[in-house]
Amino acid sequence: MKDVGDDSFYYFPARIWLDTEGNPIQAHGGGILYDDRSDMYYWYGEYKDGPTYQAHKDGPARVDIIGVGCYSSKDLWTWKNEGLVLAAEEKNETHDLHKSNVLERPKVIYNERTGKYVMWMHIDDANYTKASVGIAISDYPTGPFDYLYSKRPHGFESRDMTIFRDDDGVAYLIYSSEDNSELHIGPLTDDYLDVTNVMRQILIKQHREAPALFKHEGTYYMVTSGCTGWAPNEAMVHAADSIMGPWETMGNPCIGGNKMFRLTTFFAQSTFVVPLPGLPGFFIFMADRWNPPDLRDSRYVWLPLVVGGAADLPFEYSFGFPLWSRVSIYWHRKWKLPDVWKG
């Protein structure tokens, strides 16, 4: 029988994406945890289903903290709402999670030693002067998470951030610092509840934020955005042999669409890169198309990311021959994972 236009399992970047109950998914600035124990994918992100406003005349658009949403899936396409796994604090105005503050980019990893699910997030006040990370912990991927504390890692400001767990079980915090002019990276303690005193400054004076890390054949890659508030800008991809650096900038990974699309990361901003076991060199690039007039209606842009092929910007020191494979993020109005991949 001829295909009658069945759209199931197709991703439509930047279209409204509904959960299994028919409600728009609320998991902005999100990340994905694959959980071996339940054989499920969990998508955590900012739950922004509230009114957008400015805390003061020149302040950035914001939605009060509602909490961290969690969605579960076997196939990375059908998402069931698991509810708020970390909720705002309504009454205590001194609490980090008081609704008047900022909670962004929550990421969850599992600690094999302690059996705990650990969430790291960007914690800030309405003016973005607190610039801290927050840590929460749970016995279950679906929460509830207990909020532990916030801090400035290594004594530095921390705004956009992410967490990366390496194959050897060591986890790392990567965060924008020094007025977002550079990134800092350092390992977490064995229980994932704090940073150690080891830290490297990377991409100094490059003004990158929204880091998303992944690893392919022993090489570390990172996609970042520039710093233009809610407005989209040009993504860059960076590579390193060691996660602590040195990191080299390889250029803009975006392919397809028109030039404006490529110079604005398809009008979106990176948040996470999902590895697909069984599809080596193939990943899902997750990004947010922010909508500052109505942040709850910000859309998700998921696109195929492929590692392989020559890099476009040769490095001076390698005599024109790049040391790394090219990273390409391909624009599609509609796409699906290869049939050989089954979640």
C-alpha atoms as a PDB file:
ATOM      1  CA  MET A   1       0.000   0.000   0.000  1.00  0.00           C
ATOM      2  CA  LYS A   2       1.294   3.439  -0.908  1.00  0.00           C
ATOM      3  CA  ASP A   3       2.431   5.704   1.919  1.00  0.00           C
ATOM      4  CA  VAL A   4      -0.593   7.816   2.775  1.00  0.00           C
ATOM      5  CA  GLY A   5       1.369  10.560   4.473  1.00  0.00           C
ATOM      6  CA  ASP A   6       1.691   8.980   7.904  1.00  0.00           C
ATOM      7  CA  ASP A   7       3.727  11.468   9.926  1.00  0.00           C
ATOM      8  CA  SER A   8       4.440   9.193  12.860  1.00  0.00           C
ATOM      9  CA  PHE A   9       8.094   9.090  13.887  1.00  0.00           C
ATOM     10  CA  TYR A  10       8.832  12.193  11.813  1.00  0.00           C
ATOM     11  CA  TYR A  11      10.397  15.196  13.530  1.00  0.00           C
ATOM     12  CA  PHE A  12       9.127  18.604  12.419  1.00  0.00           C
ATOM     13  CA  PRO A  13      11.678  21.101  13.771  1.00  0.00           C
ATOM     14  CA  ALA A  14      10.076  24.171  15.373  1.00  0.00           C
ATOM     15  CA  ARG A  15       6.535  22.860  15.035  1.00  0.00           C
ATOM     16  CA  ILE A  16       4.453  22.566  18.217  1.00  0.00           C
ATOM     17  CA  TRP A  17       5.330  19.172  19.739  1.00  0.00           C
ATOM     18  CA  LEU A  18       2.675  17.404  21.791  1.00  0.00           C
ATOM     19  CA  ASP A  19       3.064  14.818  24.526  1.00  0.00           C
ATOM     20  CA  THR A  20       0.977  11.637  24.691  1.00  0.00           C
ATOM     21  CA  GLU A  21      -1.854  13.577  26.372  1.00  0.00           C
ATOM     22  CA  GLY A  22      -1.967  16.139  23.569  1.00  0.00           C
ATOM     23  CA  ASN A  23      -0.327  18.999  25.468  1.00  0.00           C
ATOM     24  CA  PRO A  24       2.687  20.975  24.206  1.00  0.00           C
ATOM     25  CA  ILE A  25       5.914  19.579  25.665  1.00  0.00           C
ATOM     26  CA  GLN A  26       7.457  21.921  28.271  1.00  0.00           C
ATOM     27  CA  ALA A  27      11.138  20.970  28.500  1.00  0.00           C
ATOM     28  CA  HIS A  28      13.111  23.992  27.300  1.00  0.00           C
ATOM     29  CA  GLY A  29      16.892  24.245  27.619  1.00  0.00           C
ATOM     30  CA  GLY A  30      16.685  20.521  28.079  1.00  0.00           C
ATOM     31  CA  GLY A  31      18.794  17.404  28.078  1.00  0.00           C
ATOM     32  CA  ILE A  32      18.262  13.673  27.669  1.00  0.00           C
ATOM     33  CA  LEU A  33      19.196  10.863  30.044  1.00  0.00           C
ATOM     34  CA  TYR A  34      19.177   7.298  28.763  1.00  0.00           C
ATOM     35  CA  ASP A  35      18.452   5.152  31.804  1.00  0.00           C
ATOM     36  CA  ASP A  36      19.773   1.563  31.569  1.00  0.00           C
ATOM     37  CA  ARG A  37      17.732   0.416  34.522  1.00  0.00           C
ATOM     38  CA  SER A  38      14.345   1.287  33.000  1.00  0.00           C
ATOM     39  CA  ASP A  39      15.518   1.146  29.352  1.00  0.00           C
ATOM     40  CA  MET A  40      13.903   4.565  28.893  1.00  0.00           C
ATOM     41  CA  TYR A  41      14.916   7.974  27.656  1.00  0.00           C
ATOM     42  CA  TYR A  42      14.090  10.890  29.960  1.00  0.00           C
ATOM     43  CA  TRP A  43      13.899  14.454  28.650  1.00  0.00           C
ATOM     44  CA  TYR A  44      14.344  17.100  31.360  1.00  0.00           C
ATOM     45  CA  GLY A  45      13.892  20.799  30.734  1.00  0.00           C
ATOM     46  CA  GLU A  46      12.531  24.133  31.935  1.00  0.00           C
ATOM     47  CA  TYR A  47       8.774  24.046  32.423  1.00  0.00           C
ATOM     48  CA  LYS A  48       7.781  27.476  31.128  1.00  0.00           C
ATOM     49  CA  ASP A  49       3.978  27.271  30.941  1.00  0.00           C
ATOM     50  CA  GLY A  50       3.407  30.685  32.540  1.00  0.00           C
ATOM     51  CA  PRO A  51       3.170  34.328  31.464  1.00  0.00           C
ATOM     52  CA  THR A  52       6.221  36.067  29.986  1.00  0.00           C
ATOM     53  CA  TYR A  53       7.083  39.476  31.471  1.00  0.00           C
ATOM     54  CA  GLN A  54      10.027  41.734  32.289  1.00  0.00           C
ATOM     55  CA  ALA A  55      11.090  42.006  35.918  1.00  0.00           C
ATOM     56  CA  HIS A  56      12.079  45.614  35.193  1.00  0.00           C
ATOM     57  CA  LYS A  57      11.921  47.920  32.183  1.00  0.00           C
ATOM     58  CA  ASP A  58      15.228  46.909  30.602  1.00  0.00           C
ATOM     59  CA  GLY A  59      15.298  43.367  31.945  1.00  0.00           C
ATOM     60  CA  PRO A  60      15.259  40.243  29.781  1.00  0.00           C
ATOM     61  CA  ALA A  61      11.974  38.463  29.092  1.00  0.00           C
ATOM     62  CA  ARG A  62      11.276  35.843  31.750  1.00  0.00           C
ATOM     63  CA  VAL A  63       8.782  33.338  33.064  1.00  0.00           C
ATOM     64  CA  ASP A  64       8.677  32.730  36.816  1.00  0.00           C
ATOM     65  CA  ILE A  65      10.218  29.436  37.899  1.00  0.00           C
ATOM     66  CA  ILE A  66       7.602  26.692  37.733  1.00  0.00           C
ATOM     67  CA  GLY A  67      10.065  23.848  37.844  1.00  0.00           C
ATOM     68  CA  VAL A  68      11.782  21.145  35.830  1.00  0.00           C
ATOM     69  CA  GLY A  69       9.566  19.075  33.560  1.00  0.00           C
ATOM     70  CA  CYS A  70      10.329  15.444  32.759  1.00  0.00           C
ATOM     71  CA  TYR A  71       9.095  13.340  29.838  1.00  0.00           C
ATOM     72  CA  SER A  72       9.772   9.650  29.201  1.00  0.00           C
ATOM     73  CA  SER A  73      10.094   7.772  25.913  1.00  0.00           C
ATOM     74  CA  LYS A  74      11.260   4.440  24.489  1.00  0.00           C
ATOM     75  CA  ASP A  75      11.759   5.815  20.971  1.00  0.00           C
ATOM     76  CA  LEU A  76      12.774   9.498  21.373  1.00  0.00           C
ATOM     77  CA  TRP A  77       9.580  10.515  19.555  1.00  0.00           C
ATOM     78  CA  THR A  78       6.603   9.561  21.733  1.00  0.00           C
ATOM     79  CA  TRP A  79       6.895  11.538  24.988  1.00  0.00           C
ATOM     80  CA  LYS A  80       4.858  10.919  28.134  1.00  0.00           C
ATOM     81  CA  ASN A  81       4.640  13.720  30.690  1.00  0.00           C
ATOM     82  CA  GLU A  82       6.069  12.541  34.018  1.00  0.00           C
ATOM     83  CA  GLY A  83       5.185  15.854  35.684  1.00  0.00           C
ATOM     84  CA  LEU A  84       7.351  18.334  37.537  1.00  0.00           C
ATOM     85  CA  VAL A  85      10.320  16.489  39.035  1.00  0.00           C
ATOM     86  CA  LEU A  86      11.634  19.613  40.787  1.00  0.00           C
ATOM     87  CA  ALA A  87       9.116  22.328  41.636  1.00  0.00           C
ATOM     88  CA  ALA A  88       9.457  26.017  42.428  1.00  0.00           C
ATOM     89  CA  GLU A  89       9.335  27.289  45.999  1.00  0.00           C
ATOM     90  CA  GLU A  90       6.191  29.434  46.322  1.00  0.00           C
ATOM     91  CA  LYS A  91       6.595  31.083  49.713  1.00  0.00           C
ATOM     92  CA  ASN A  92      10.208  31.231  50.884  1.00  0.00           C
ATOM     93  CA  GLU A  93      11.656  34.250  49.070  1.00  0.00           C
ATOM     94  CA  THR A  94      15.212  33.434  50.168  1.00  0.00           C
ATOM     95  CA  HIS A  95      15.122  30.006  48.484  1.00  0.00           C
ATOM     96  CA  ASP A  96      17.068  29.501  45.239  1.00  0.00           C
ATOM     97  CA  LEU A  97      13.948  28.025  43.657  1.00  0.00           C
ATOM     98  CA  HIS A  98      11.632  30.876  44.669  1.00  0.00           C
ATOM     99  CA  LYS A  99       9.522  31.626  41.606  1.00  0.00           C
ATOM    100  CA  SER A 100      11.064  35.116  41.250  1.00  0.00           C
ATOM    101  CA  ASN A 101      14.484  33.589  40.483  1.00  0.00           C
ATOM    102  CA  VAL A 102      15.899  31.827  37.413  1.00  0.00           C
ATOM    103  CA  LEU A 103      16.329  28.083  36.809  1.00  0.00           C
ATOM    104  CA  GLU A 104      17.782  27.195  33.414  1.00  0.00           C
ATOM    105  CA  ARG A 105      19.329  24.285  31.464  1.00  0.00           C
ATOM    106  CA  PRO A 106      18.682  21.379  33.886  1.00  0.00           C
ATOM    107  CA  LYS A 107      20.710  18.245  33.098  1.00  0.00           C
ATOM    108  CA  VAL A 108      20.484  14.855  34.841  1.00  0.00           C
ATOM    109  CA  ILE A 109      23.073  12.071  35.050  1.00  0.00           C
ATOM    110  CA  TYR A 110      23.049   8.780  36.929  1.00  0.00           C
ATOM    111  CA  ASN A 111      25.742   7.894  39.452  1.00  0.00           C
ATOM    112  CA  GLU A 112      26.574   4.177  39.339  1.00  0.00           C
ATOM    113  CA  ARG A 113      28.352   4.261  42.719  1.00  0.00           C
ATOM    114  CA  THR A 114      25.616   5.918  44.747  1.00  0.00           C
ATOM    115  CA  GLY A 115      22.601   4.792  42.713  1.00  0.00           C
ATOM    116  CA  LYS A 116      21.388   8.400  42.652  1.00  0.00           C
ATOM    117  CA  TYR A 117      20.109  10.564  39.824  1.00  0.00           C
ATOM    118  CA  VAL A 118      21.821  13.940  40.030  1.00  0.00           C
ATOM    119  CA  MET A 119      20.521  17.141  38.453  1.00  0.00           C
ATOM    120  CA  TRP A 120      22.680  20.189  37.772  1.00  0.00           C
ATOM    121  CA  MET A 121      21.181  23.485  36.642  1.00  0.00           C
ATOM    122  CA  HIS A 122      21.897  27.193  36.214  1.00  0.00           C
ATOM    123  CA  ILE A 123      20.533  29.087  39.240  1.00  0.00           C
ATOM    124  CA  ASP A 124      20.262  32.863  39.129  1.00  0.00           C
ATOM    125  CA  ASP A 125      18.298  35.854  40.349  1.00  0.00           C
ATOM    126  CA  ALA A 126      16.090  37.925  38.067  1.00  0.00           C
ATOM    127  CA  ASN A 127      19.035  40.212  37.231  1.00  0.00           C
ATOM    128  CA  TYR A 128      21.435  37.342  36.486  1.00  0.00           C
ATOM    129  CA  THR A 129      23.849  38.488  39.204  1.00  0.00           C
ATOM    130  CA  LYS A 130      23.878  35.270  41.285  1.00  0.00           C
ATOM    131  CA  ALA A 131      25.414  33.248  38.399  1.00  0.00           C
ATOM    132  CA  SER A 132      25.560  29.892  40.188  1.00  0.00           C
ATOM    133  CA  VAL A 133      24.982  26.188  39.674  1.00  0.00           C
ATOM    134  CA  GLY A 134      22.339  24.301  41.628  1.00  0.00           C
ATOM    135  CA  ILE A 135      22.382  20.604  42.468  1.00  0.00           C
ATOM    136  CA  ALA A 136      19.463  18.268  43.230  1.00  0.00           C
ATOM    137  CA  ILE A 137      19.261  14.517  43.829  1.00  0.00           C
ATOM    138  CA  SER A 138      16.725  11.707  43.489  1.00  0.00           C
ATOM    139  CA  ASP A 139      16.417   7.939  43.846  1.00  0.00           C
ATOM    140  CA  TYR A 140      14.354   7.774  40.650  1.00  0.00           C
ATOM    141  CA  PRO A 141      14.668   9.294  37.157  1.00  0.00           C
ATOM    142  CA  THR A 142      11.116  10.626  37.493  1.00  0.00           C
ATOM    143  CA  GLY A 143      11.858  12.327  40.816  1.00  0.00           C
ATOM    144  CA  PRO A 144      10.959  13.910  43.020  1.00  0.00           C
ATOM    145  CA  PHE A 145      14.382  15.581  43.191  1.00  0.00           C
ATOM    146  CA  ASP A 146      15.547  17.062  46.489  1.00  0.00           C
ATOM    147  CA  TYR A 147      17.258  20.399  46.009  1.00  0.00           C
ATOM    148  CA  LEU A 148      20.584  20.463  47.864  1.00  0.00           C
ATOM    149  CA  TYR A 149      22.318  23.818  47.382  1.00  0.00           C
ATOM    150  CA  SER A 150      23.825  26.281  44.926  1.00  0.00           C
ATOM    151  CA  LYS A 151      27.352  27.600  44.570  1.00  0.00           C
ATOM    152  CA  ARG A 152      29.712  29.405  42.256  1.00  0.00           C
ATOM    153  CA  PRO A 153      31.890  26.585  40.918  1.00  0.00           C
ATOM    154  CA  HIS A 154      35.599  27.107  41.520  1.00  0.00           C
ATOM    155  CA  GLY A 155      34.652  30.556  42.861  1.00  0.00           C
ATOM    156  CA  PHE A 156      33.658  31.811  39.392  1.00  0.00           C
ATOM    157  CA  GLU A 157      30.433  33.088  37.867  1.00  0.00           C
ATOM    158  CA  SER A 158      28.540  30.312  36.088  1.00  0.00           C
ATOM    159  CA  ARG A 159      25.681  31.004  33.674  1.00  0.00           C
ATOM    160  CA  ASP A 160      24.921  28.704  30.719  1.00  0.00           C
ATOM    161  CA  MET A 161      26.183  25.253  31.650  1.00  0.00           C
ATOM    162  CA  THR A 162      25.962  21.571  30.915  1.00  0.00           C
ATOM    163  CA  ILE A 163      27.079  18.267  32.417  1.00  0.00           C
ATOM    164  CA  PHE A 164      28.904  15.533  30.503  1.00  0.00           C
ATOM    165  CA  ARG A 165      29.448  11.996  31.805  1.00  0.00           C
ATOM    166  CA  ASP A 166      32.391  10.271  30.147  1.00  0.00           C
ATOM    167  CA  ASP A 167      32.679   6.548  29.358  1.00  0.00           C
ATOM    168  CA  ASP A 168      34.877   6.003  32.429  1.00  0.00           C
ATOM    169  CA  GLY A 169      32.131   7.332  34.730  1.00  0.00           C
ATOM    170  CA  VAL A 170      33.846  10.657  35.407  1.00  0.00           C
ATOM    171  CA  ALA A 171      31.417  13.560  34.995  1.00  0.00           C
ATOM    172  CA  TYR A 172      32.322  17.140  34.087  1.00  0.00           C
ATOM    173  CA  LEU A 173      30.743  20.558  34.512  1.00  0.00           C
ATOM    174  CA  ILE A 174      31.141  22.991  31.613  1.00  0.00           C
ATOM    175  CA  TYR A 175      29.991  26.567  32.155  1.00  0.00           C
ATOM    176  CA  SER A 176      30.191  30.071  30.690  1.00  0.00           C
ATOM    177  CA  SER A 177      32.142  32.433  32.940  1.00  0.00           C
ATOM    178  CA  GLU A 178      33.871  35.834  33.182  1.00  0.00           C
ATOM    179  CA  ASP A 179      30.862  37.676  31.735  1.00  0.00           C
ATOM    180  CA  ASN A 180      30.355  34.792  29.278  1.00  0.00           C
ATOM    181  CA  SER A 181      33.708  35.556  27.601  1.00  0.00           C
ATOM    182  CA  GLU A 182      35.090  32.036  28.169  1.00  0.00           C
ATOM    183  CA  LEU A 183      34.117  28.528  29.185  1.00  0.00           C
ATOM    184  CA  HIS A 184      35.363  26.626  32.216  1.00  0.00           C
ATOM    185  CA  ILE A 185      35.491  22.849  32.515  1.00  0.00           C
ATOM    186  CA  GLY A 186      36.282  20.580  35.432  1.00  0.00           C
ATOM    187  CA  PRO A 187      35.505  17.128  36.817  1.00  0.00           C
ATOM    188  CA  LEU A 188      32.858  16.503  39.470  1.00  0.00           C
ATOM    189  CA  THR A 189      33.460  14.623  42.696  1.00  0.00           C
ATOM    190  CA  ASP A 190      32.817  10.857  42.640  1.00  0.00           C
ATOM    191  CA  ASP A 191      29.264  11.350  43.945  1.00  0.00           C
ATOM    192  CA  TYR A 192      28.553  14.067  41.313  1.00  0.00           C
ATOM    193  CA  LEU A 193      27.392  16.445  44.056  1.00  0.00           C
ATOM    194  CA  ASP A 194      30.188  19.032  43.753  1.00  0.00           C
ATOM    195  CA  VAL A 195      33.094  20.126  41.606  1.00  0.00           C
ATOM    196  CA  THR A 196      36.686  19.297  42.509  1.00  0.00           C
ATOM    197  CA  ASN A 197      39.357  21.997  42.593  1.00  0.00           C
ATOM    198  CA  VAL A 198      40.554  21.024  39.096  1.00  0.00           C
ATOM    199  CA  MET A 199      39.441  23.469  36.382  1.00  0.00           C
ATOM    200  CA  ARG A 200      40.601  24.648  32.956  1.00  0.00           C
ATOM    201  CA  GLN A 201      39.641  27.845  31.168  1.00  0.00           C
ATOM    202  CA  ILE A 202      38.859  27.172  27.503  1.00  0.00           C
ATOM    203  CA  LEU A 203      37.751  29.168  24.448  1.00  0.00           C
ATOM    204  CA  ILE A 204      39.057  32.286  26.178  1.00  0.00           C
ATOM    205  CA  LYS A 205      37.713  35.570  24.754  1.00  0.00           C
ATOM    206  CA  GLN A 206      35.552  33.624  22.301  1.00  0.00           C
ATOM    207  CA  HIS A 207      32.254  34.588  24.041  1.00  0.00           C
ATOM    208  CA  ARG A 208      30.526  31.211  23.700  1.00  0.00           C
ATOM    209  CA  GLU A 209      27.549  29.879  25.646  1.00  0.00           C
ATOM    210  CA  ALA A 210      24.899  27.118  25.464  1.00  0.00           C
ATOM    211  CA  PRO A 211      27.521  24.306  25.442  1.00  0.00           C
ATOM    212  CA  ALA A 212      26.496  20.791  24.332  1.00  0.00           C
ATOM    213  CA  LEU A 213      29.136  18.035  24.483  1.00  0.00           C
ATOM    214  CA  PHE A 214      29.414  14.651  22.857  1.00  0.00           C
ATOM    215  CA  LYS A 215      32.124  12.112  22.088  1.00  0.00           C
ATOM    216  CA  HIS A 216      32.887  10.112  18.951  1.00  0.00           C
ATOM    217  CA  GLU A 217      35.701   7.595  18.503  1.00  0.00           C
ATOM    218  CA  GLY A 218      37.718   9.033  21.373  1.00  0.00           C
ATOM    219  CA  THR A 219      37.405  12.669  20.271  1.00  0.00           C
ATOM    220  CA  TYR A 220      35.391  15.180  22.286  1.00  0.00           C
ATOM    221  CA  TYR A 221      33.158  17.626  20.444  1.00  0.00           C
ATOM    222  CA  MET A 222      31.198  20.605  21.682  1.00  0.00           C
ATOM    223  CA  VAL A 223      28.584  22.791  20.010  1.00  0.00           C
ATOM    224  CA  THR A 224      28.214  26.324  21.382  1.00  0.00           C
ATOM    225  CA  SER A 225      26.315  29.492  20.549  1.00  0.00           C
ATOM    226  CA  GLY A 226      27.393  33.111  20.660  1.00  0.00           C
ATOM    227  CA  CYS A 227      26.055  35.485  23.315  1.00  0.00           C
ATOM    228  CA  THR A 228      23.075  37.488  22.067  1.00  0.00           C
ATOM    229  CA  GLY A 229      20.467  36.986  24.779  1.00  0.00           C
ATOM    230  CA  TRP A 230      17.307  35.321  23.462  1.00  0.00           C
ATOM    231  CA  ALA A 231      18.248  36.163  19.833  1.00  0.00           C
ATOM    232  CA  PRO A 232      19.739  33.330  17.733  1.00  0.00           C
ATOM    233  CA  ASN A 233      23.270  33.484  16.368  1.00  0.00           C
ATOM    234  CA  GLU A 234      25.903  31.379  14.627  1.00  0.00           C
ATOM    235  CA  ALA A 235      26.760  28.026  16.181  1.00  0.00           C
ATOM    236  CA  MET A 236      30.356  26.856  16.349  1.00  0.00           C
ATOM    237  CA  VAL A 237      31.688  23.370  16.855  1.00  0.00           C
ATOM    238  CA  HIS A 238      34.885  22.698  18.800  1.00  0.00           C
ATOM    239  CA  ALA A 239      36.997  19.554  19.188  1.00  0.00           C
ATOM    240  CA  ALA A 240      39.571  18.174  21.608  1.00  0.00           C
ATOM    241  CA  ASP A 241      41.553  14.974  22.193  1.00  0.00           C
ATOM    242  CA  SER A 242      41.295  15.492  25.933  1.00  0.00           C
ATOM    243  CA  ILE A 243      38.100  16.804  27.507  1.00  0.00           C
ATOM    244  CA  MET A 244      40.157  19.278  29.563  1.00  0.00           C
ATOM    245  CA  GLY A 245      41.556  20.744  26.360  1.00  0.00           C
ATOM    246  CA  PRO A 246      43.098  22.308  24.461  1.00  0.00           C
ATOM    247  CA  TRP A 247      39.886  22.844  22.454  1.00  0.00           C
ATOM    248  CA  GLU A 248      40.056  23.974  18.830  1.00  0.00           C
ATOM    249  CA  THR A 249      37.234  25.776  17.026  1.00  0.00           C
ATOM    250  CA  MET A 250      36.284  24.043  13.774  1.00  0.00           C
ATOM    251  CA  GLY A 251      33.618  26.426  12.466  1.00  0.00           C
ATOM    252  CA  ASN A 252      29.890  26.474  11.811  1.00  0.00           C
ATOM    253  CA  PRO A 253      28.380  22.965  11.554  1.00  0.00           C
ATOM    254  CA  CYS A 254      25.044  24.027  10.028  1.00  0.00           C
ATOM    255  CA  ILE A 255      24.220  22.783   6.518  1.00  0.00           C
ATOM    256  CA  GLY A 256      21.116  23.409   4.411  1.00  0.00           C
ATOM    257  CA  GLY A 257      18.370  26.015   4.539  1.00  0.00           C
ATOM    258  CA  ASN A 258      19.362  29.510   3.437  1.00  0.00           C
ATOM    259  CA  LYS A 259      22.364  31.536   4.574  1.00  0.00           C
ATOM    260  CA  MET A 260      20.354  33.355   7.267  1.00  0.00           C
ATOM    261  CA  PHE A 261      19.290  29.960   8.620  1.00  0.00           C
ATOM    262  CA  ARG A 262      22.884  28.762   8.794  1.00  0.00           C
ATOM    263  CA  LEU A 263      24.088  31.984  10.458  1.00  0.00           C
ATOM    264  CA  THR A 264      21.420  31.668  13.186  1.00  0.00           C
ATOM    265  CA  THR A 265      21.650  27.902  13.880  1.00  0.00           C
ATOM    266  CA  PHE A 266      18.276  27.537  12.138  1.00  0.00           C
ATOM    267  CA  PHE A 267      16.941  30.341  14.375  1.00  0.00           C
ATOM    268  CA  ALA A 268      17.731  28.263  17.449  1.00  0.00           C
ATOM    269  CA  GLN A 269      20.253  27.724  20.243  1.00  0.00           C
ATOM    270  CA  SER A 270      22.037  24.497  21.202  1.00  0.00           C
ATOM    271  CA  THR A 271      21.074  22.688  24.383  1.00  0.00           C
ATOM    272  CA  PHE A 272      22.130  19.001  24.051  1.00  0.00           C
ATOM    273  CA  VAL A 273      23.458  16.340  21.683  1.00  0.00           C
ATOM    274  CA  VAL A 274      21.934  12.857  21.988  1.00  0.00           C
ATOM    275  CA  PRO A 275      24.102   9.819  21.100  1.00  0.00           C
ATOM    276  CA  LEU A 276      22.283   6.994  19.321  1.00  0.00           C
ATOM    277  CA  PRO A 277      23.735   3.591  20.256  1.00  0.00           C
ATOM    278  CA  GLY A 278      23.873   1.403  17.169  1.00  0.00           C
ATOM    279  CA  LEU A 279      24.241   4.390  14.828  1.00  0.00           C
ATOM    280  CA  PRO A 280      27.920   5.349  15.121  1.00  0.00           C
ATOM    281  CA  GLY A 281      28.626   8.890  14.008  1.00  0.00           C
ATOM    282  CA  PHE A 282      24.918   9.775  14.079  1.00  0.00           C
ATOM    283  CA  PHE A 283      23.471  12.004  16.820  1.00  0.00           C
ATOM    284  CA  ILE A 284      20.437  14.185  17.461  1.00  0.00           C
ATOM    285  CA  PHE A 285      21.209  17.890  17.854  1.00  0.00           C
ATOM    286  CA  MET A 286      18.719  19.460  20.283  1.00  0.00           C
ATOM    287  CA  ALA A 287      18.140  23.204  20.196  1.00  0.00           C
ATOM    288  CA  ASP A 288      15.601  25.771  21.369  1.00  0.00           C
ATOM    289  CA  ARG A 289      13.949  28.342  19.147  1.00  0.00           C
ATOM    290  CA  TRP A 290      13.244  30.904  21.847  1.00  0.00           C
ATOM    291  CA  ASN A 291      10.181  33.109  21.547  1.00  0.00           C
ATOM    292  CA  PRO A 292      10.858  36.091  23.854  1.00  0.00           C
ATOM    293  CA  PRO A 293       7.356  37.654  23.577  1.00  0.00           C
ATOM    294  CA  ASP A 294       5.873  34.346  24.800  1.00  0.00           C
ATOM    295  CA  LEU A 295       8.580  32.032  26.140  1.00  0.00           C
ATOM    296  CA  ARG A 296       6.187  29.171  26.858  1.00  0.00           C
ATOM    297  CA  ASP A 297       5.693  28.903  23.078  1.00  0.00           C
ATOM    298  CA  SER A 298       9.428  28.479  22.410  1.00  0.00           C
ATOM    299  CA  ARG A 299       9.849  25.550  20.025  1.00  0.00           C
ATOM    300  CA  TYR A 300      12.208  22.591  19.815  1.00  0.00           C
ATOM    301  CA  VAL A 301      14.549  22.145  16.871  1.00  0.00           C
ATOM    302  CA  TRP A 302      15.839  18.571  16.694  1.00  0.00           C
ATOM    303  CA  LEU A 303      18.057  17.784  13.710  1.00  0.00           C
ATOM    304  CA  PRO A 304      20.452  15.046  12.600  1.00  0.00           C
ATOM    305  CA  LEU A 305      24.080  15.652  13.503  1.00  0.00           C
ATOM    306  CA  VAL A 306      26.688  13.583  11.668  1.00  0.00           C
ATOM    307  CA  VAL A 307      30.404  13.225  12.402  1.00  0.00           C
ATOM    308  CA  GLY A 308      32.542  12.459   9.367  1.00  0.00           C
ATOM    309  CA  GLY A 309      34.113  14.140   6.371  1.00  0.00           C
ATOM    310  CA  ALA A 310      36.679  16.948   6.166  1.00  0.00           C
ATOM    311  CA  ALA A 311      36.448  19.969   8.443  1.00  0.00           C
ATOM    312  CA  ASP A 312      35.980  23.268   6.644  1.00  0.00           C
ATOM    313  CA  LEU A 313      38.355  25.504   8.612  1.00  0.00           C
ATOM    314  CA  PRO A 314      41.913  24.146   8.548  1.00  0.00           C
ATOM    315  CA  PHE A 315      43.981  24.799  11.673  1.00  0.00           C
ATOM    316  CA  GLU A 316      47.206  26.691  11.181  1.00  0.00           C
ATOM    317  CA  TYR A 317      49.343  24.272  13.123  1.00  0.00           C
ATOM    318  CA  SER A 318      48.246  21.155  11.220  1.00  0.00           C
ATOM    319  CA  PHE A 319      49.476  22.486   7.851  1.00  0.00           C
ATOM    320  CA  GLY A 320      45.983  22.683   6.488  1.00  0.00           C
ATOM    321  CA  PHE A 321      44.969  19.130   7.305  1.00  0.00           C
ATOM    322  CA  PRO A 322      42.353  19.020  10.048  1.00  0.00           C
ATOM    323  CA  LEU A 323      42.935  16.550  12.836  1.00  0.00           C
ATOM    324  CA  TRP A 324      39.221  15.956  13.364  1.00  0.00           C
ATOM    325  CA  SER A 325      36.265  14.780  11.354  1.00  0.00           C
ATOM    326  CA  ARG A 326      33.749  17.362  10.228  1.00  0.00           C
ATOM    327  CA  VAL A 327      30.607  17.813  12.333  1.00  0.00           C
ATOM    328  CA  SER A 328      27.524  18.575  10.254  1.00  0.00           C
ATOM    329  CA  ILE A 329      24.033  19.534  11.433  1.00  0.00           C
ATOM    330  CA  TYR A 330      21.590  19.173   8.558  1.00  0.00           C
ATOM    331  CA  TRP A 331      18.414  21.217   8.194  1.00  0.00           C
ATOM    332  CA  HIS A 332      15.240  19.297   7.388  1.00  0.00           C
ATOM    333  CA  ARG A 333      11.660  20.523   7.499  1.00  0.00           C
ATOM    334  CA  LYS A 334      10.711  16.926   8.236  1.00  0.00           C
ATOM    335  CA  TRP A 335      12.917  13.925   9.040  1.00  0.00           C
ATOM    336  CA  LYS A 336      13.014  10.683  10.963  1.00  0.00           C
ATOM    337  CA  LEU A 337      15.632   8.410  12.438  1.00  0.00           C
ATOM    338  CA  PRO A 338      16.904   5.637  10.125  1.00  0.00           C
ATOM    339  CA  ASP A 339      14.689   2.553  10.194  1.00  0.00           C
ATOM    340  CA  VAL A 340      17.608   0.457  11.433  1.00  0.00           C
ATOM    341  CA  TRP A 341      17.488   2.398  14.705  1.00  0.00           C
ATOM    342  CA  LYS A 342      14.964   1.114  17.200  1.00  0.00           C
ATOM    343  CA  GLY A 343      15.012   2.787  20.580  1.00  0.00           C
END
